[in-house]
Amino acid sequence: YIEEYSHLASFMASVNGNDFLTDPTGSRRFLPFEVISIDMESTKAVNMDNVFSEILWLYEHGFCYWFDDAGIEELHAGSRRFHVQTIEYELLIQGFEKPETGDNESFMTTAQILNYLKTYNVIQLSEKRMGEALHKVGFERVQKRINSKNPVYGYRIREVSPNPFLNRV
């Protein structure tokens, strides 16, 4: 038979360095913060029975312990400094920019962007991470028909000029 349980979890960890979040879509699972110092004597004075009593009281009185949309946005804003900048993100912001109205813009799919970047570096790039980078930067995703029938999704994009990948030292 099947039993259903509430999804409950607590997680705490410490890491060396501030850039450890790699999935921009899953960062709401973590509440990262930086600890500068800990006063161990003060921590010993905290009565954990009182802490548990307060938690139980809040729970029993309907405290909203999950995040609403505004809370998730605030969490994402606060956790940005803990995100790893992927190579896809770095190459994207070096080689492309969002077009302004009237700019000479291109339509490129994620695969076309990756193929363009592969001509200038030997590092294996990920389509998933490139898609996340395009979303993070705010490139407009649009649909275009190829051969008047097949719809394809891509991005309004403009190559940086002069090409920043040429003549690098």
N, C-alpha and C. Protein backbone atom coordinates (compact mmCIF):
# COMPACT_ATOMS: atom_id res chain seq x y z
N TYR A 1 0.83 -1.18 0.00
CA TYR A 1 0.00 0.00 0.00
C TYR A 1 0.88 1.24 0.00
N ILE A 2 0.27 2.36 -0.37
CA ILE A 2 1.02 3.61 -0.48
C ILE A 2 0.70 4.50 0.71
N GLU A 3 1.73 5.04 1.33
CA GLU A 3 1.56 6.02 2.39
C GLU A 3 2.08 7.35 1.90
N GLU A 4 1.38 8.40 2.23
CA GLU A 4 1.83 9.73 1.85
C GLU A 4 2.34 10.46 3.08
N TYR A 5 3.47 11.10 2.92
CA TYR A 5 4.08 11.87 4.00
C TYR A 5 4.30 13.30 3.52
N SER A 6 4.29 14.20 4.46
CA SER A 6 4.62 15.59 4.13
C SER A 6 6.07 15.67 3.71
N HIS A 7 6.36 16.59 2.82
CA HIS A 7 7.74 16.82 2.40
C HIS A 7 8.39 17.74 3.42
N LEU A 8 9.11 17.18 4.34
CA LEU A 8 9.77 17.94 5.39
C LEU A 8 11.26 17.68 5.33
N ALA A 9 12.04 18.71 5.47
CA ALA A 9 13.49 18.53 5.46
C ALA A 9 14.15 19.73 6.10
N SER A 10 15.26 19.46 6.71
CA SER A 10 16.13 20.52 7.22
C SER A 10 17.52 20.21 6.70
N PHE A 11 18.21 21.24 6.34
CA PHE A 11 19.54 21.04 5.78
C PHE A 11 20.42 22.21 6.20
N MET A 12 21.61 21.88 6.66
CA MET A 12 22.56 22.93 7.00
C MET A 12 23.93 22.43 6.55
N ALA A 13 24.70 23.33 6.02
CA ALA A 13 26.04 22.96 5.56
C ALA A 13 26.93 24.18 5.61
N SER A 14 28.21 23.93 5.57
CA SER A 14 29.15 25.04 5.43
C SER A 14 30.04 24.73 4.23
N VAL A 15 30.46 25.78 3.57
CA VAL A 15 31.32 25.62 2.40
C VAL A 15 32.45 26.63 2.48
N ASN A 16 33.51 26.34 1.79
CA ASN A 16 34.61 27.29 1.66
C ASN A 16 34.40 28.04 0.36
N GLY A 17 34.33 29.34 0.44
CA GLY A 17 34.10 30.15 -0.75
C GLY A 17 32.63 30.51 -0.87
N ASN A 18 32.37 31.57 -1.60
CA ASN A 18 31.00 32.08 -1.71
C ASN A 18 30.28 31.67 -2.98
N ASP A 19 30.95 31.09 -3.93
CA ASP A 19 30.27 30.74 -5.18
C ASP A 19 30.06 29.23 -5.23
N PHE A 20 28.89 28.79 -4.77
CA PHE A 20 28.61 27.36 -4.70
C PHE A 20 27.26 26.98 -5.27
N LEU A 21 26.37 27.93 -5.51
CA LEU A 21 25.07 27.62 -6.10
C LEU A 21 25.22 27.53 -7.61
N THR A 22 24.86 26.38 -8.17
CA THR A 22 25.06 26.18 -9.61
C THR A 22 23.75 26.12 -10.39
N ASP A 23 22.63 25.93 -9.72
CA ASP A 23 21.36 25.82 -10.42
C ASP A 23 20.48 27.02 -10.10
N PRO A 24 20.37 27.97 -11.03
CA PRO A 24 19.59 29.17 -10.74
C PRO A 24 18.11 28.90 -10.51
N THR A 25 17.61 27.77 -10.99
CA THR A 25 16.19 27.47 -10.82
C THR A 25 15.90 26.80 -9.49
N GLY A 26 16.90 26.24 -8.85
CA GLY A 26 16.67 25.51 -7.60
C GLY A 26 17.19 26.20 -6.38
N SER A 27 17.60 27.45 -6.50
CA SER A 27 18.25 28.12 -5.38
C SER A 27 17.29 28.48 -4.26
N ARG A 28 15.99 28.38 -4.48
CA ARG A 28 15.07 28.69 -3.38
C ARG A 28 15.12 27.62 -2.30
N ARG A 29 15.75 26.50 -2.60
CA ARG A 29 15.90 25.45 -1.59
C ARG A 29 16.95 25.81 -0.55
N PHE A 30 17.76 26.80 -0.86
CA PHE A 30 18.86 27.17 0.02
C PHE A 30 18.71 28.62 0.46
N LEU A 31 19.05 28.88 1.69
CA LEU A 31 19.04 30.24 2.24
C LEU A 31 20.48 30.60 2.59
N PRO A 32 21.28 30.93 1.58
CA PRO A 32 22.70 31.16 1.85
C PRO A 32 22.96 32.49 2.56
N PHE A 33 23.91 32.46 3.45
CA PHE A 33 24.37 33.67 4.12
C PHE A 33 25.80 33.45 4.54
N GLU A 34 26.50 34.54 4.74
CA GLU A 34 27.91 34.47 5.12
C GLU A 34 28.04 34.78 6.60
N VAL A 35 28.74 33.91 7.32
CA VAL A 35 28.98 34.10 8.75
C VAL A 35 30.39 34.64 8.91
N ILE A 36 30.51 35.79 9.53
CA ILE A 36 31.81 36.41 9.76
C ILE A 36 32.46 35.86 11.02
N SER A 37 31.66 35.72 12.08
CA SER A 37 32.18 35.15 13.33
C SER A 37 31.02 34.58 14.14
N ILE A 38 31.35 33.72 15.09
CA ILE A 38 30.36 33.12 15.98
C ILE A 38 30.84 33.31 17.41
N ASP A 39 29.98 33.88 18.22
CA ASP A 39 30.27 34.04 19.65
C ASP A 39 29.76 32.77 20.34
N MET A 40 30.65 31.83 20.58
CA MET A 40 30.26 30.53 21.13
C MET A 40 29.64 30.64 22.52
N GLU A 41 30.09 31.58 23.33
CA GLU A 41 29.52 31.73 24.67
C GLU A 41 28.06 32.15 24.59
N SER A 42 27.73 33.04 23.66
CA SER A 42 26.34 33.47 23.51
C SER A 42 25.46 32.33 23.02
N THR A 43 25.99 31.48 22.16
CA THR A 43 25.18 30.36 21.65
C THR A 43 24.85 29.38 22.77
N LYS A 44 25.73 29.23 23.73
CA LYS A 44 25.47 28.32 24.85
C LYS A 44 24.34 28.82 25.74
N ALA A 45 24.08 30.12 25.72
CA ALA A 45 23.04 30.70 26.58
C ALA A 45 21.64 30.55 25.99
N VAL A 46 21.52 30.13 24.73
CA VAL A 46 20.20 29.98 24.10
C VAL A 46 19.54 28.71 24.63
N ASN A 47 18.33 28.88 25.15
CA ASN A 47 17.56 27.74 25.65
C ASN A 47 16.82 27.11 24.47
N MET A 48 17.27 25.95 24.03
CA MET A 48 16.70 25.30 22.85
C MET A 48 15.26 24.85 23.07
N ASP A 49 14.88 24.57 24.32
CA ASP A 49 13.48 24.24 24.59
C ASP A 49 12.58 25.43 24.26
N ASN A 50 13.05 26.64 24.58
CA ASN A 50 12.28 27.84 24.24
C ASN A 50 12.21 28.06 22.73
N VAL A 51 13.30 27.77 22.05
CA VAL A 51 13.32 27.89 20.58
C VAL A 51 12.30 26.93 19.99
N PHE A 52 12.31 25.67 20.42
CA PHE A 52 11.35 24.69 19.92
C PHE A 52 9.92 25.11 20.25
N SER A 53 9.69 25.62 21.45
CA SER A 53 8.34 26.07 21.84
C SER A 53 7.85 27.17 20.92
N GLU A 54 8.73 28.11 20.58
CA GLU A 54 8.33 29.19 19.68
C GLU A 54 8.01 28.66 18.29
N ILE A 55 8.83 27.75 17.79
CA ILE A 55 8.59 27.16 16.47
C ILE A 55 7.24 26.45 16.46
N LEU A 56 6.97 25.65 17.49
CA LEU A 56 5.71 24.92 17.57
C LEU A 56 4.53 25.87 17.64
N TRP A 57 4.64 26.93 18.43
CA TRP A 57 3.56 27.91 18.55
C TRP A 57 3.29 28.56 17.20
N LEU A 58 4.34 28.97 16.49
CA LEU A 58 4.17 29.59 15.18
C LEU A 58 3.48 28.63 14.21
N TYR A 59 3.90 27.38 14.20
CA TYR A 59 3.31 26.37 13.31
C TYR A 59 1.83 26.17 13.63
N GLU A 60 1.52 26.02 14.91
CA GLU A 60 0.13 25.77 15.33
C GLU A 60 -0.78 26.97 15.09
N HIS A 61 -0.21 28.15 14.96
CA HIS A 61 -1.01 29.35 14.73
C HIS A 61 -0.96 29.84 13.28
N GLY A 62 -0.59 28.93 12.38
CA GLY A 62 -0.71 29.21 10.94
C GLY A 62 0.39 30.05 10.33
N PHE A 63 1.56 30.08 10.98
CA PHE A 63 2.66 30.85 10.41
C PHE A 63 2.99 30.33 9.01
N CYS A 64 3.14 31.23 8.07
CA CYS A 64 3.46 30.87 6.68
C CYS A 64 4.96 30.57 6.60
N TYR A 65 5.30 29.30 6.60
CA TYR A 65 6.70 28.89 6.61
C TYR A 65 7.23 28.61 5.21
N TRP A 66 6.43 28.82 4.19
CA TRP A 66 6.88 28.66 2.81
C TRP A 66 6.96 30.05 2.18
N PHE A 67 7.57 30.09 1.00
CA PHE A 67 7.78 31.37 0.33
C PHE A 67 6.69 31.63 -0.69
N ASP A 68 6.16 32.84 -0.69
CA ASP A 68 5.28 33.26 -1.77
C ASP A 68 6.16 33.81 -2.89
N ASP A 69 5.56 34.27 -3.97
CA ASP A 69 6.34 34.75 -5.12
C ASP A 69 7.27 35.90 -4.75
N ALA A 70 6.78 36.83 -3.92
CA ALA A 70 7.61 37.96 -3.51
C ALA A 70 8.79 37.49 -2.67
N GLY A 71 8.55 36.52 -1.81
CA GLY A 71 9.62 35.97 -0.98
C GLY A 71 10.67 35.25 -1.80
N ILE A 72 10.22 34.54 -2.83
CA ILE A 72 11.16 33.83 -3.71
C ILE A 72 12.02 34.83 -4.47
N GLU A 73 11.41 35.92 -4.95
CA GLU A 73 12.19 36.96 -5.64
C GLU A 73 13.23 37.57 -4.72
N GLU A 74 12.83 37.84 -3.47
CA GLU A 74 13.77 38.40 -2.50
C GLU A 74 14.90 37.42 -2.21
N LEU A 75 14.56 36.14 -2.10
CA LEU A 75 15.57 35.11 -1.87
C LEU A 75 16.54 35.03 -3.04
N HIS A 76 16.02 35.05 -4.26
CA HIS A 76 16.89 35.00 -5.45
C HIS A 76 17.82 36.20 -5.49
N ALA A 77 17.29 37.38 -5.17
CA ALA A 77 18.12 38.59 -5.18
C ALA A 77 19.23 38.48 -4.15
N GLY A 78 18.91 37.97 -2.98
CA GLY A 78 19.91 37.85 -1.92
C GLY A 78 20.94 36.76 -2.16
N SER A 79 20.59 35.77 -2.96
CA SER A 79 21.51 34.65 -3.17
C SER A 79 22.35 34.78 -4.43
N ARG A 80 22.16 35.85 -5.22
CA ARG A 80 22.90 36.00 -6.48
C ARG A 80 24.41 35.98 -6.27
N ARG A 81 24.87 36.56 -5.18
CA ARG A 81 26.32 36.62 -4.97
C ARG A 81 26.93 35.26 -4.64
N PHE A 82 26.08 34.25 -4.42
CA PHE A 82 26.56 32.91 -4.11
C PHE A 82 26.52 31.99 -5.33
N HIS A 83 26.05 32.51 -6.47
CA HIS A 83 25.95 31.69 -7.68
C HIS A 83 27.28 31.62 -8.42
N VAL A 84 27.56 30.46 -8.94
CA VAL A 84 28.72 30.26 -9.80
C VAL A 84 28.39 30.87 -11.16
N GLN A 85 29.31 31.65 -11.70
CA GLN A 85 29.11 32.15 -13.06
C GLN A 85 29.64 31.09 -14.02
N THR A 86 28.76 30.55 -14.83
CA THR A 86 29.16 29.50 -15.76
C THR A 86 29.96 30.08 -16.92
N ILE A 87 30.71 29.23 -17.57
CA ILE A 87 31.48 29.65 -18.75
C ILE A 87 30.51 30.10 -19.85
N GLU A 88 29.35 29.47 -19.93
CA GLU A 88 28.35 29.86 -20.93
C GLU A 88 27.89 31.30 -20.68
N TYR A 89 27.64 31.64 -19.43
CA TYR A 89 27.22 33.00 -19.09
C TYR A 89 28.32 34.00 -19.44
N GLU A 90 29.54 33.68 -19.06
CA GLU A 90 30.65 34.60 -19.31
C GLU A 90 30.87 34.83 -20.80
N LEU A 91 30.84 33.75 -21.59
CA LEU A 91 31.02 33.90 -23.04
C LEU A 91 29.85 34.66 -23.67
N LEU A 92 28.64 34.39 -23.19
CA LEU A 92 27.46 35.07 -23.72
C LEU A 92 27.56 36.57 -23.53
N ILE A 93 27.89 37.02 -22.32
CA ILE A 93 27.91 38.47 -22.07
C ILE A 93 29.12 39.14 -22.71
N GLN A 94 30.17 38.36 -23.03
CA GLN A 94 31.31 38.93 -23.75
C GLN A 94 31.00 39.11 -25.23
N GLY A 95 30.29 38.13 -25.81
CA GLY A 95 30.12 38.12 -27.26
C GLY A 95 28.82 38.65 -27.79
N PHE A 96 27.81 38.80 -26.92
CA PHE A 96 26.49 39.22 -27.38
C PHE A 96 25.90 40.26 -26.44
N GLU A 97 24.94 41.00 -26.99
CA GLU A 97 24.20 41.95 -26.16
C GLU A 97 22.75 41.98 -26.62
N LYS A 98 21.90 42.48 -25.72
CA LYS A 98 20.49 42.61 -26.07
C LYS A 98 20.35 43.77 -27.04
N PRO A 99 19.66 43.56 -28.15
CA PRO A 99 19.49 44.65 -29.11
C PRO A 99 18.49 45.69 -28.62
N GLU A 100 18.78 46.92 -28.92
CA GLU A 100 17.84 48.01 -28.67
C GLU A 100 16.97 48.15 -29.91
N THR A 101 15.87 48.85 -29.78
CA THR A 101 14.98 49.07 -30.92
C THR A 101 15.75 49.76 -32.04
N GLY A 102 15.69 49.20 -33.23
CA GLY A 102 16.37 49.78 -34.37
C GLY A 102 17.79 49.27 -34.57
N ASP A 103 18.31 48.49 -33.61
CA ASP A 103 19.65 47.92 -33.76
C ASP A 103 19.66 46.86 -34.86
N ASN A 104 20.84 46.58 -35.34
CA ASN A 104 21.03 45.49 -36.29
C ASN A 104 21.04 44.20 -35.48
N GLU A 105 19.90 43.52 -35.42
CA GLU A 105 19.78 42.34 -34.58
C GLU A 105 19.71 41.08 -35.42
N SER A 106 19.96 39.96 -34.78
CA SER A 106 19.87 38.65 -35.41
C SER A 106 18.88 37.79 -34.65
N PHE A 107 18.42 36.75 -35.31
CA PHE A 107 17.65 35.70 -34.66
C PHE A 107 18.57 34.49 -34.60
N MET A 108 18.83 34.00 -33.39
CA MET A 108 19.69 32.83 -33.25
C MET A 108 19.08 31.86 -32.25
N THR A 109 19.13 30.58 -32.58
CA THR A 109 18.70 29.56 -31.63
C THR A 109 19.84 29.31 -30.65
N THR A 110 19.53 28.61 -29.58
CA THR A 110 20.56 28.28 -28.60
C THR A 110 21.68 27.49 -29.27
N ALA A 111 21.33 26.55 -30.14
CA ALA A 111 22.34 25.76 -30.84
C ALA A 111 23.23 26.63 -31.72
N GLN A 112 22.65 27.61 -32.40
CA GLN A 112 23.45 28.50 -33.25
C GLN A 112 24.40 29.35 -32.41
N ILE A 113 23.94 29.81 -31.26
CA ILE A 113 24.81 30.58 -30.36
C ILE A 113 25.98 29.72 -29.89
N LEU A 114 25.68 28.48 -29.50
CA LEU A 114 26.74 27.56 -29.06
C LEU A 114 27.73 27.28 -30.18
N ASN A 115 27.24 27.04 -31.39
CA ASN A 115 28.14 26.79 -32.52
C ASN A 115 29.04 27.99 -32.80
N TYR A 116 28.49 29.18 -32.71
CA TYR A 116 29.28 30.39 -32.90
C TYR A 116 30.39 30.46 -31.86
N LEU A 117 30.04 30.23 -30.60
CA LEU A 117 31.03 30.33 -29.52
C LEU A 117 32.08 29.22 -29.59
N LYS A 118 31.69 28.05 -30.11
CA LYS A 118 32.63 26.93 -30.22
C LYS A 118 33.76 27.23 -31.20
N THR A 119 33.53 28.15 -32.13
CA THR A 119 34.60 28.49 -33.07
C THR A 119 35.71 29.30 -32.40
N TYR A 120 35.44 29.83 -31.20
CA TYR A 120 36.42 30.67 -30.51
C TYR A 120 36.95 30.07 -29.21
N ASN A 121 36.46 28.90 -28.81
CA ASN A 121 37.01 28.26 -27.62
C ASN A 121 36.86 26.75 -27.73
N VAL A 122 37.67 26.04 -26.96
CA VAL A 122 37.68 24.58 -27.04
C VAL A 122 36.93 23.93 -25.88
N ILE A 123 36.39 24.71 -24.99
CA ILE A 123 35.68 24.18 -23.83
C ILE A 123 34.31 23.67 -24.26
N GLN A 124 33.93 22.49 -23.76
CA GLN A 124 32.62 21.92 -24.05
C GLN A 124 31.54 22.79 -23.38
N LEU A 125 30.60 23.27 -24.16
CA LEU A 125 29.53 24.12 -23.65
C LEU A 125 28.23 23.33 -23.55
N SER A 126 27.38 23.72 -22.60
CA SER A 126 26.12 23.03 -22.35
C SER A 126 24.94 23.84 -22.86
N GLU A 127 24.06 23.18 -23.60
CA GLU A 127 22.86 23.85 -24.11
C GLU A 127 21.96 24.29 -22.95
N LYS A 128 21.85 23.47 -21.93
CA LYS A 128 21.02 23.81 -20.77
C LYS A 128 21.56 25.05 -20.05
N ARG A 129 22.87 25.06 -19.79
CA ARG A 129 23.45 26.22 -19.11
C ARG A 129 23.40 27.47 -19.98
N MET A 130 23.51 27.32 -21.30
CA MET A 130 23.39 28.48 -22.18
C MET A 130 21.97 29.02 -22.13
N GLY A 131 20.98 28.14 -22.13
CA GLY A 131 19.59 28.58 -22.01
C GLY A 131 19.36 29.33 -20.71
N GLU A 132 19.94 28.83 -19.62
CA GLU A 132 19.83 29.52 -18.33
C GLU A 132 20.50 30.89 -18.37
N ALA A 133 21.65 30.96 -19.04
CA ALA A 133 22.37 32.24 -19.16
C ALA A 133 21.56 33.23 -19.99
N LEU A 134 20.97 32.78 -21.08
CA LEU A 134 20.14 33.65 -21.91
C LEU A 134 18.96 34.20 -21.11
N HIS A 135 18.36 33.35 -20.30
CA HIS A 135 17.24 33.78 -19.45
C HIS A 135 17.72 34.76 -18.39
N LYS A 136 18.86 34.46 -17.77
CA LYS A 136 19.39 35.31 -16.70
C LYS A 136 19.69 36.72 -17.22
N VAL A 137 20.27 36.81 -18.40
CA VAL A 137 20.62 38.11 -18.98
C VAL A 137 19.37 38.85 -19.46
N GLY A 138 18.33 38.09 -19.82
CA GLY A 138 17.08 38.72 -20.23
C GLY A 138 16.91 38.85 -21.73
N PHE A 139 17.57 38.00 -22.51
CA PHE A 139 17.36 38.02 -23.95
C PHE A 139 15.93 37.60 -24.25
N GLU A 140 15.32 38.26 -25.22
CA GLU A 140 13.93 37.97 -25.57
C GLU A 140 13.85 36.70 -26.42
N ARG A 141 13.08 35.74 -25.93
CA ARG A 141 12.88 34.48 -26.66
C ARG A 141 11.69 34.67 -27.59
N VAL A 142 11.89 34.36 -28.87
CA VAL A 142 10.84 34.55 -29.87
C VAL A 142 10.73 33.30 -30.74
N GLN A 143 9.59 33.18 -31.39
CA GLN A 143 9.36 32.06 -32.30
C GLN A 143 9.43 32.56 -33.73
N LYS A 144 10.06 31.76 -34.59
CA LYS A 144 10.18 32.12 -35.99
C LYS A 144 9.91 30.86 -36.81
N ARG A 145 9.32 31.04 -37.97
CA ARG A 145 9.06 29.89 -38.84
C ARG A 145 10.20 29.74 -39.84
N ILE A 146 10.71 28.54 -39.92
CA ILE A 146 11.76 28.21 -40.88
C ILE A 146 11.09 27.53 -42.08
N ASN A 147 11.45 27.93 -43.27
CA ASN A 147 10.84 27.40 -44.50
C ASN A 147 9.32 27.57 -44.50
N SER A 148 8.84 28.62 -43.90
CA SER A 148 7.42 28.98 -43.85
C SER A 148 6.54 27.95 -43.14
N LYS A 149 7.13 26.96 -42.46
CA LYS A 149 6.25 25.99 -41.81
C LYS A 149 6.73 25.53 -40.44
N ASN A 150 7.99 25.27 -40.26
CA ASN A 150 8.47 24.70 -39.00
C ASN A 150 8.80 25.79 -37.99
N PRO A 151 8.05 25.83 -36.86
CA PRO A 151 8.35 26.86 -35.85
C PRO A 151 9.60 26.50 -35.05
N VAL A 152 10.44 27.50 -34.82
CA VAL A 152 11.68 27.33 -34.06
C VAL A 152 11.76 28.47 -33.06
N TYR A 153 12.20 28.15 -31.86
CA TYR A 153 12.41 29.19 -30.85
C TYR A 153 13.86 29.63 -30.86
N GLY A 154 14.05 30.92 -30.71
CA GLY A 154 15.39 31.48 -30.65
C GLY A 154 15.34 32.80 -29.91
N TYR A 155 16.37 33.60 -30.10
CA TYR A 155 16.52 34.83 -29.34
C TYR A 155 16.83 36.01 -30.24
N ARG A 156 16.28 37.16 -29.88
CA ARG A 156 16.69 38.42 -30.50
C ARG A 156 18.02 38.76 -29.87
N ILE A 157 19.06 38.87 -30.70
CA ILE A 157 20.41 38.98 -30.16
C ILE A 157 21.26 39.81 -31.10
N ARG A 158 22.31 40.39 -30.57
CA ARG A 158 23.22 41.18 -31.40
C ARG A 158 24.64 40.83 -30.99
N GLU A 159 25.47 40.53 -31.99
CA GLU A 159 26.88 40.25 -31.72
C GLU A 159 27.60 41.53 -31.33
N VAL A 160 28.49 41.43 -30.35
CA VAL A 160 29.31 42.57 -29.95
C VAL A 160 30.32 42.83 -31.06
N SER A 161 30.50 44.10 -31.38
CA SER A 161 31.45 44.48 -32.42
C SER A 161 32.38 45.55 -31.86
N PRO A 162 33.68 45.43 -32.05
CA PRO A 162 34.38 44.37 -32.75
C PRO A 162 34.33 43.07 -31.95
N ASN A 163 34.53 41.97 -32.64
CA ASN A 163 34.46 40.65 -32.04
C ASN A 163 35.48 40.53 -30.90
N PRO A 164 35.02 40.35 -29.66
CA PRO A 164 35.94 40.30 -28.52
C PRO A 164 36.77 39.03 -28.45
N PHE A 165 36.43 38.02 -29.25
CA PHE A 165 37.14 36.75 -29.19
C PHE A 165 38.33 36.70 -30.15
N LEU A 166 38.44 37.69 -31.03
CA LEU A 166 39.56 37.73 -31.96
C LEU A 166 40.73 38.47 -31.33
N ASN A 167 41.93 38.05 -31.67
CA ASN A 167 43.16 38.71 -31.23
C ASN A 167 43.28 38.82 -29.71
N ARG A 168 42.85 37.77 -29.00
CA ARG A 168 43.02 37.77 -27.54
C ARG A 168 44.42 37.30 -27.22
N VAL A 169 44.99 37.89 -26.19
CA VAL A 169 46.34 37.52 -25.77
C VAL A 169 46.28 36.32 -24.88
